[in-house]
């Protein structure tokens, strides 16, 4: 059944928005390999602890990751394996369209650059506006 008939289009928009940050995508891909603590993500992704915590909070609130407490530490993992299927489908679509979406005047690289600095879609690296 189409998304807009099952849960409403706004839920789908919220899901995709939760994945609309390159660092969150990197976190999801890292969690695909297994559990990680925020401190692991800080070391592996080179982000500040507060940034990693904010991203984990977003992903947790959206139901995409879960935490398992062990003493004073929390180990995070993917809540739903379907998330990886979604990302792999998105990657296949990007390959099929030749990353044409990055040329989009509303959401592409030029639009991001004009708004607040750009990020390379493929690598997640920041690029100069």
Protein backbone atom coordinates (compact mmCIF):
# COMPACT_ATOMS: atom_id res chain seq x y z
CA UNK A 1 0.00 0.00 0.00
CA UNK A 2 1.38 3.48 -0.83
CA UNK A 3 2.95 5.48 1.98
CA UNK A 4 0.39 8.27 1.79
CA UNK A 5 -2.44 5.77 2.33
CA UNK A 6 -0.81 3.87 5.20
CA UNK A 7 0.68 6.50 7.50
CA UNK A 8 0.26 9.76 5.67
CA UNK A 9 2.76 11.63 3.62
CA UNK A 10 3.95 13.66 6.61
CA UNK A 11 5.32 10.53 8.31
CA UNK A 12 7.30 9.68 5.18
CA UNK A 13 8.61 13.23 4.98
CA UNK A 14 9.68 13.01 8.63
CA UNK A 15 11.46 9.72 8.00
CA UNK A 16 13.41 11.10 5.06
CA UNK A 17 14.13 14.32 6.91
CA UNK A 18 15.63 12.32 9.79
CA UNK A 19 18.10 10.87 7.28
CA UNK A 20 18.78 14.18 5.54
CA UNK A 21 22.07 14.85 7.32
CA UNK A 22 25.31 13.31 6.00
CA UNK A 23 26.59 12.57 9.51
CA UNK A 24 23.36 10.78 10.43
CA UNK A 25 23.75 8.66 7.31
CA UNK A 26 27.32 7.87 8.34
CA UNK A 27 26.08 6.90 11.80
CA UNK A 28 23.45 4.59 10.33
CA UNK A 29 26.05 2.97 8.08
CA UNK A 30 28.39 2.56 11.06
CA UNK A 31 25.62 0.96 13.13
CA UNK A 32 25.01 -1.45 10.27
CA UNK A 33 28.36 -2.99 11.30
CA UNK A 34 27.26 -3.41 14.92
CA UNK A 35 26.68 -1.59 18.18
CA UNK A 36 28.49 1.64 19.00
CA UNK A 37 28.66 4.10 21.86
CA UNK A 38 28.57 7.84 21.26
CA UNK A 39 32.27 7.93 22.15
CA UNK A 40 32.94 5.37 19.39
CA UNK A 41 31.11 7.54 16.88
CA UNK A 42 33.06 10.61 18.00
CA UNK A 43 36.36 8.81 17.40
CA UNK A 44 35.35 7.12 14.15
CA UNK A 45 33.48 9.99 12.49
CA UNK A 46 35.51 12.89 13.82
CA UNK A 47 32.58 14.84 15.24
CA UNK A 48 32.15 16.56 18.58
CA UNK A 49 30.52 14.57 21.37
CA UNK A 50 27.60 17.01 21.47
CA UNK A 51 27.07 16.65 17.71
CA UNK A 52 27.10 12.85 17.87
CA UNK A 53 24.68 12.94 20.81
CA UNK A 54 22.31 15.26 18.94
CA UNK A 55 22.30 12.98 15.91
CA UNK A 56 21.73 9.90 18.07
CA UNK A 57 18.87 11.67 19.82
CA UNK A 58 17.24 12.44 16.47
CA UNK A 59 17.64 8.87 15.23
CA UNK A 60 16.37 7.46 18.54
CA UNK A 61 13.32 9.75 18.64
CA UNK A 62 12.48 8.67 15.09
CA UNK A 63 12.62 5.02 16.13
CA UNK A 64 15.57 4.23 13.87
CA UNK A 65 18.06 3.32 16.61
CA UNK A 66 17.76 1.82 20.07
CA UNK A 67 20.06 2.03 23.06
CA UNK A 68 21.14 -0.74 25.39
CA UNK A 69 22.47 0.39 28.76
CA UNK A 70 25.44 -1.43 30.20
CA UNK A 71 26.56 0.19 33.41
CA UNK A 72 27.08 3.87 32.66
CA UNK A 73 27.44 3.31 28.93
CA UNK A 74 24.80 3.10 26.23
CA UNK A 75 25.39 0.93 23.18
CA UNK A 76 23.33 1.93 20.15
CA UNK A 77 22.16 -0.28 17.32
CA UNK A 78 19.74 -0.09 14.43
CA UNK A 79 16.15 -0.62 15.51
CA UNK A 80 14.94 -1.79 12.11
CA UNK A 81 16.96 -3.72 9.52
CA UNK A 82 14.60 -2.35 6.86
CA UNK A 83 16.47 0.94 7.19
CA UNK A 84 19.45 -0.58 5.38
CA UNK A 85 17.15 -1.82 2.61
CA UNK A 86 15.84 1.73 2.25
CA UNK A 87 19.35 3.18 2.01
CA UNK A 88 20.42 0.55 -0.51
CA UNK A 89 17.35 1.36 -2.63
CA UNK A 90 18.21 5.06 -2.43
CA UNK A 91 21.78 4.34 -3.49
CA UNK A 92 20.54 2.30 -6.46
CA UNK A 93 18.23 5.14 -7.45
CA UNK A 94 21.09 7.64 -7.22
CA UNK A 95 23.24 5.41 -9.40
CA UNK A 96 20.42 5.05 -11.93
CA UNK A 97 19.80 8.79 -12.15
CA UNK A 98 23.47 9.73 -12.22
CA UNK A 99 23.07 11.78 -9.05
CA UNK A 100 20.79 14.15 -10.97
CA UNK A 101 19.05 15.04 -7.70
CA UNK A 102 22.21 16.93 -6.72
CA UNK A 103 21.44 19.33 -9.58
CA UNK A 104 17.94 20.04 -8.24
CA UNK A 105 17.41 23.77 -7.77
CA UNK A 106 15.48 23.24 -4.54
CA UNK A 107 17.50 20.57 -2.75
CA UNK A 108 20.70 20.10 -4.78
CA UNK A 109 24.25 21.20 -4.07
CA UNK A 110 23.78 24.76 -5.34
CA UNK A 111 20.68 25.26 -3.19
CA UNK A 112 22.48 23.92 -0.09
CA UNK A 113 25.47 26.11 -0.82
CA UNK A 114 23.29 29.18 -1.11
CA UNK A 115 21.47 28.34 2.14
CA UNK A 116 24.17 27.38 4.57
CA UNK A 117 27.25 25.85 3.03
CA UNK A 118 27.25 22.72 0.95
CA UNK A 119 27.99 19.08 1.59
CA UNK A 120 29.13 16.67 -1.11
CA UNK A 121 26.32 14.12 -1.51
CA UNK A 122 28.62 11.17 -2.16
CA UNK A 123 31.25 11.74 0.54
CA UNK A 124 29.43 13.83 3.15
CA UNK A 125 32.36 16.27 3.15
CA UNK A 126 31.69 19.97 3.46
CA UNK A 127 32.55 22.00 0.38
CA UNK A 128 33.07 25.72 0.06
CA UNK A 129 30.03 27.73 -1.04
